[in-house]
Protein backbone atom coordinates (compact mmCIF):
# COMPACT_ATOMS: atom_id res chain seq x y z
CA MET A 1 16.97 13.46 -10.61
CA PRO A 2 13.24 13.24 -11.36
CA LYS A 3 11.27 16.18 -10.03
CA GLY A 4 8.16 14.05 -9.72
CA PHE A 5 5.79 11.99 -11.79
CA SER A 6 2.99 13.51 -13.87
CA LEU A 7 -0.28 11.62 -13.56
CA GLU A 8 -1.64 12.89 -16.85
CA GLN A 9 -2.33 10.07 -19.32
CA CYS A 10 -0.62 7.58 -17.02
CA ARG A 11 -0.91 3.83 -17.54
CA ALA A 12 -1.20 2.47 -14.03
CA VAL A 13 -1.19 -0.96 -12.42
CA ILE A 14 -2.99 -0.85 -9.05
CA THR A 15 -2.86 -3.84 -6.72
CA GLY A 16 -5.49 -4.50 -4.07
CA ALA A 17 -7.85 -2.46 -6.24
CA SER A 18 -11.14 -4.16 -5.35
CA SER A 19 -11.85 -1.98 -2.30
CA GLY A 20 -10.41 0.49 0.22
CA LEU A 21 -7.40 2.55 -0.77
CA GLY A 22 -6.87 0.59 -4.00
CA ALA A 23 -10.34 1.43 -5.29
CA GLU A 24 -9.85 5.05 -4.20
CA PHE A 25 -6.57 5.25 -6.14
CA ALA A 26 -8.53 4.09 -9.21
CA ARG A 27 -11.24 6.71 -8.64
CA GLN A 28 -8.80 9.58 -8.30
CA LEU A 29 -6.62 8.49 -11.23
CA ALA A 30 -9.46 7.70 -13.63
CA PRO A 31 -10.07 11.30 -14.79
CA LYS A 32 -6.37 11.63 -15.69
CA ALA A 33 -5.23 8.14 -16.72
CA GLU A 34 -5.09 6.55 -20.13
CA VAL A 35 -5.25 2.98 -18.81
CA LEU A 36 -5.90 1.50 -15.37
CA VAL A 37 -5.15 -2.16 -14.66
CA LEU A 38 -6.97 -3.19 -11.49
CA VAL A 39 -5.47 -6.22 -9.74
CA ALA A 40 -7.09 -8.23 -6.93
CA ARG A 41 -8.41 -11.69 -6.08
CA ARG A 42 -12.14 -10.88 -6.09
CA GLU A 43 -13.44 -10.66 -9.66
CA GLU A 44 -16.91 -9.45 -8.71
CA ALA A 45 -15.54 -6.61 -6.58
CA LEU A 46 -13.12 -5.59 -9.34
CA GLU A 47 -15.92 -5.48 -11.88
CA LYS A 48 -17.93 -3.27 -9.53
CA VAL A 49 -15.06 -0.75 -9.36
CA LYS A 50 -14.70 -0.93 -13.16
CA LEU A 51 -18.41 -0.21 -13.59
CA GLU A 52 -18.12 2.78 -11.25
CA LEU A 53 -15.38 4.21 -13.50
CA SER A 54 -17.19 3.54 -16.76
CA GLY A 55 -18.11 7.18 -17.37
CA THR A 56 -14.58 8.58 -17.08
CA GLY A 57 -13.41 7.64 -20.57
CA THR A 58 -10.41 5.78 -19.16
CA LYS A 59 -9.70 2.23 -20.31
CA VAL A 60 -10.11 0.00 -17.26
CA LEU A 61 -8.93 -3.62 -17.23
CA CYS A 62 -9.47 -6.15 -14.44
CA CYS A 63 -6.76 -8.71 -13.68
CA VAL A 64 -7.90 -11.38 -11.22
CA SER A 65 -4.81 -12.59 -9.39
CA ASP A 66 -3.67 -13.82 -5.99
CA LEU A 67 -0.50 -11.80 -5.47
CA ALA A 68 0.46 -13.88 -2.42
CA THR A 69 1.53 -16.61 -4.85
CA GLU A 70 4.33 -16.67 -7.39
CA GLY A 71 1.87 -17.84 -10.05
CA GLY A 72 -0.43 -14.92 -9.31
CA ARG A 73 2.39 -12.43 -9.76
CA SER A 74 3.38 -14.07 -13.05
CA ASP A 75 -0.24 -13.82 -14.18
CA VAL A 76 -0.09 -10.02 -13.85
CA ILE A 77 2.92 -9.78 -16.15
CA ALA A 78 1.27 -12.12 -18.66
CA PHE A 79 -1.95 -10.09 -18.48
CA LEU A 80 -0.12 -6.86 -19.33
CA ALA A 81 1.57 -8.51 -22.32
CA ALA A 82 -1.65 -10.09 -23.57
CA ASN A 83 -3.49 -6.75 -23.41
CA GLY A 84 -0.69 -4.66 -24.87
CA VAL A 85 -0.35 -2.46 -21.79
CA ASN A 86 2.95 -0.62 -21.37
CA PRO A 87 2.68 0.69 -17.79
CA ASN A 88 4.51 3.72 -16.49
CA LEU A 89 3.07 3.64 -12.95
CA LEU A 90 2.87 0.86 -10.36
CA ILE A 91 0.86 1.31 -7.17
CA ASN A 92 1.64 -1.45 -4.68
CA ASN A 93 -1.38 -1.22 -2.40
CA ALA A 94 -2.24 -4.87 -1.68
CA GLY A 95 -1.59 -5.86 1.92
CA MET A 96 -3.08 -7.38 5.06
CA GLY A 97 -2.69 -7.48 8.84
CA ASP A 98 -3.38 -9.84 11.70
CA TYR A 99 -4.68 -8.67 15.09
CA GLY A 100 -3.45 -10.63 18.10
CA SER A 101 -0.29 -12.09 19.58
CA PHE A 102 2.32 -13.66 17.35
CA ALA A 103 2.39 -16.85 19.44
CA SER A 104 -1.32 -17.45 18.88
CA SER A 105 -1.31 -16.53 15.21
CA SER A 106 -2.12 -18.95 12.43
CA ALA A 107 1.02 -20.05 10.61
CA GLU A 108 -0.87 -19.91 7.32
CA LYS A 109 -2.11 -16.35 7.86
CA THR A 110 1.33 -15.22 9.00
CA ARG A 111 2.93 -16.71 5.91
CA THR A 112 0.33 -15.13 3.62
CA GLN A 113 0.84 -11.77 5.33
CA ILE A 114 4.60 -11.88 4.65
CA GLU A 115 4.05 -13.08 1.08
CA LEU A 116 1.61 -10.27 0.33
CA ASN A 117 3.13 -7.35 2.27
CA ILE A 118 6.78 -8.04 1.44
CA THR A 119 7.36 -10.69 -1.23
CA ALA A 120 4.58 -9.67 -3.61
CA LEU A 121 5.45 -5.97 -3.43
CA THR A 122 9.16 -6.67 -3.93
CA MET A 123 8.92 -9.24 -6.70
CA LEU A 124 6.16 -7.48 -8.64
CA THR A 125 8.23 -4.31 -8.58
CA HIS A 126 11.27 -6.30 -9.76
CA ALA A 127 9.30 -7.91 -12.59
CA LEU A 128 7.71 -4.64 -13.74
CA LEU A 129 10.81 -2.47 -13.65
CA PRO A 130 12.08 -3.63 -17.07
CA LEU A 131 8.59 -2.94 -18.48
CA LEU A 132 8.08 0.42 -16.83
CA GLU A 133 8.21 3.21 -19.39
CA THR A 134 9.96 6.41 -18.36
CA PRO A 135 9.34 8.87 -16.95
CA GLY A 136 7.83 6.36 -14.56
CA GLY A 137 6.49 6.14 -11.05
CA ILE A 138 6.20 3.64 -8.21
CA LEU A 139 3.98 4.30 -5.23
CA ASN A 140 4.13 1.89 -2.30
CA VAL A 141 1.56 1.84 0.49
CA SER A 142 3.20 1.44 3.88
CA SER A 143 1.78 2.47 7.27
CA LEU A 144 2.32 4.63 10.32
CA ALA A 145 2.86 1.24 11.98
CA SER A 146 6.20 1.07 10.15
CA THR A 147 7.61 3.51 12.72
CA LEU A 148 6.76 1.25 15.69
CA PRO A 149 7.42 -2.23 17.07
CA MET A 150 3.75 -3.06 17.62
CA PRO A 151 2.65 -5.79 20.04
CA GLU A 152 -0.45 -7.61 18.79
CA LEU A 153 0.40 -6.48 15.24
CA ALA A 154 4.07 -7.47 15.19
CA VAL A 155 4.42 -9.01 11.72
CA TYR A 156 2.37 -6.30 10.03
CA ALA A 157 4.37 -3.45 11.58
CA ALA A 158 7.66 -5.17 10.75
CA SER A 159 6.55 -5.82 7.16
CA LYS A 160 5.62 -2.17 6.72
CA ALA A 161 8.98 -1.07 8.14
CA TYR A 162 10.45 -3.10 5.27
CA VAL A 163 8.19 -1.36 2.74
CA THR A 164 9.22 2.11 3.93
CA SER A 165 12.94 1.32 3.96
CA PHE A 166 12.75 -0.46 0.60
CA SER A 167 10.87 2.44 -0.97
CA GLU A 168 13.31 5.10 0.24
CA ALA A 169 16.25 3.06 -1.04
CA LEU A 170 14.59 2.60 -4.44
CA ALA A 171 13.88 6.32 -4.63
CA ILE A 172 17.64 6.90 -4.58
CA GLU A 173 18.52 4.01 -6.91
CA LEU A 174 15.94 4.76 -9.58
CA ALA A 175 16.19 8.56 -9.67
CA PRO A 176 18.91 8.51 -12.35
CA LYS A 177 16.63 6.31 -14.47
CA ASN A 178 13.86 8.94 -14.30
CA ILE A 179 11.61 6.79 -12.12
CA THR A 180 10.03 8.52 -9.13
CA VAL A 181 9.41 6.36 -6.06
CA SER A 182 7.15 7.48 -3.22
CA CYS A 183 5.86 5.77 -0.11
CA VAL A 184 2.67 6.67 1.75
CA CYS A 185 2.37 5.81 5.46
CA PRO A 186 -1.25 6.29 6.51
CA GLY A 187 -2.52 6.04 10.05
CA PRO A 188 -5.97 4.67 10.93
CA THR A 189 -8.18 4.77 7.84
CA PRO A 190 -11.72 3.37 7.48
CA THR A 191 -11.25 0.50 5.01
CA ASN A 192 -11.79 -3.27 5.13
CA PHE A 193 -8.37 -3.74 6.76
CA SER A 194 -9.73 -4.30 10.27
CA GLN A 195 -12.24 -6.92 9.12
CA THR A 196 -9.49 -8.94 7.43
CA ALA A 197 -7.07 -8.49 10.31
CA LYS A 198 -9.46 -9.85 12.96
CA ARG A 199 -9.02 -13.45 14.03
CA GLU A 200 -11.65 -16.08 13.26
CA ASP A 201 -12.85 -15.90 16.86
CA GLY A 202 -13.48 -12.16 16.39
CA SER A 203 -10.66 -11.11 18.71
CA ASP A 204 -9.35 -7.61 18.16
CA THR A 205 -6.44 -5.47 19.30
CA ASN A 206 -6.21 -2.33 21.41
CA ARG A 207 -7.03 0.63 19.18
CA ASP A 208 -7.38 3.31 21.85
CA GLY A 209 -6.69 6.79 20.52
CA GLN A 210 -6.92 5.88 16.85
CA GLY A 211 -9.96 8.08 16.37
CA LEU A 212 -7.81 11.18 16.84
CA LEU A 213 -5.68 10.22 13.84
CA ARG A 214 -8.34 8.77 11.52
CA ILE A 215 -8.71 10.37 8.09
CA PRO A 216 -10.78 9.25 5.08
CA PRO A 217 -9.31 7.16 2.24
CA SER A 218 -9.82 10.08 -0.16
CA GLN A 219 -7.39 12.23 1.84
CA VAL A 220 -4.82 9.43 2.13
CA VAL A 221 -4.87 8.84 -1.63
CA GLY A 222 -4.91 12.56 -2.47
CA GLU A 223 -1.81 13.22 -0.37
CA ALA A 224 -0.09 10.09 -1.70
CA LEU A 225 -0.59 11.11 -5.33
CA LYS A 226 0.54 14.64 -4.52
CA ALA A 227 3.76 13.24 -3.01
CA LEU A 228 4.36 11.25 -6.19
CA ARG A 229 3.78 14.33 -8.35
CA LEU A 230 6.21 16.34 -6.25
CA GLY A 231 8.82 13.60 -6.00
CA GLN A 232 8.57 13.25 -2.20
CA PRO A 233 10.03 9.88 -1.12
CA CYS A 234 7.77 9.46 1.93
CA VAL A 235 4.55 11.08 3.17
CA PHE A 236 2.51 10.63 6.37
CA PRO A 237 -0.97 11.90 5.36
CA GLY A 238 -2.96 14.01 7.79
CA LEU A 239 -1.61 16.59 10.23
CA GLY A 240 -2.04 14.33 13.26
CA VAL A 241 -0.27 11.38 11.64
CA ALA A 242 2.55 13.64 10.39
CA ILE A 243 3.13 14.97 13.92
CA VAL A 244 2.87 11.59 15.64
CA SER A 245 5.18 9.94 13.11
CA ARG A 246 7.86 12.51 13.84
CA VAL A 247 7.49 11.92 17.58
CA PHE A 248 7.75 8.15 17.08
CA ARG A 249 10.85 8.47 14.92
CA LEU A 250 12.62 10.78 17.39
CA MET A 251 11.61 8.92 20.55
CA PRO A 252 14.40 6.83 22.15
CA ARG A 253 13.66 3.14 21.61
CA GLY A 254 13.87 2.35 25.31
CA ILE A 255 11.16 4.90 26.09
CA MET A 256 9.07 3.64 23.18
CA ARG A 257 9.23 0.04 24.46
CA TRP A 258 8.22 1.25 27.95
CA VAL A 259 5.21 3.14 26.55
CA LEU A 260 4.12 0.18 24.43
CA LYS A 261 4.51 -2.20 27.38
CA ARG A 262 2.30 -0.01 29.57
CA ARG A 263 -0.28 0.27 26.77
CA ALA A 264 -0.33 -3.48 26.30
CA GLY A 265 -0.74 -3.96 30.02
CA LYS A 266 -4.03 -2.07 29.98
CA GLU A 267 -5.74 -4.67 27.81
């Protein structure tokens, strides 16, 4: 059983690395890593992160790819081969949400959300596993939302429940192969998530009380990397999120549905 993954001289692939948590993972790993492969759709934003890391001495490569497509995921594997990168760490950070009712959601945005949050994470992990040098590590970004059936964010919460369950199962499967798998489930964090999740008409969802749980991206990433180092399968960063997640997981589902129904009724 792996006791955890050492970050020293790691060769990491980070998805969704152009901003938010992905860029913060790159910042915190750069002083330790040998190679960082930053993956995202926006080339200009990726290059900006690369420039920010230029003084660390770490080799930083930018792979422009749309992970919501099968071709985009294949491009990542081809990029690693073309650049001679033998990764030993995969950070599946790319993801998106959609604020508003499921019935009024765009079919295209819903499909893209599932492709990115579930299919891309699953299939990129599957494709990289044969290439992952050991001891290796996989860190998946889930969400506190994975513990709840969330009205107005139904597909996102359900997709993150998949990520958490998938990660914990992989942690058991891959332990004998000396691959550590961890999952981080952050609560509200100031990133670009909310801007992407809003509908075109600017409609939002009820976010009452989130301020009490909000922590900076640096803390989320710091606790996530610590969990990977220690071999912890799942971490809820921040004291408030850790407490609330335990309450959510222990709460009877009937009571949870009643609470969520009352909350939705206040909108």
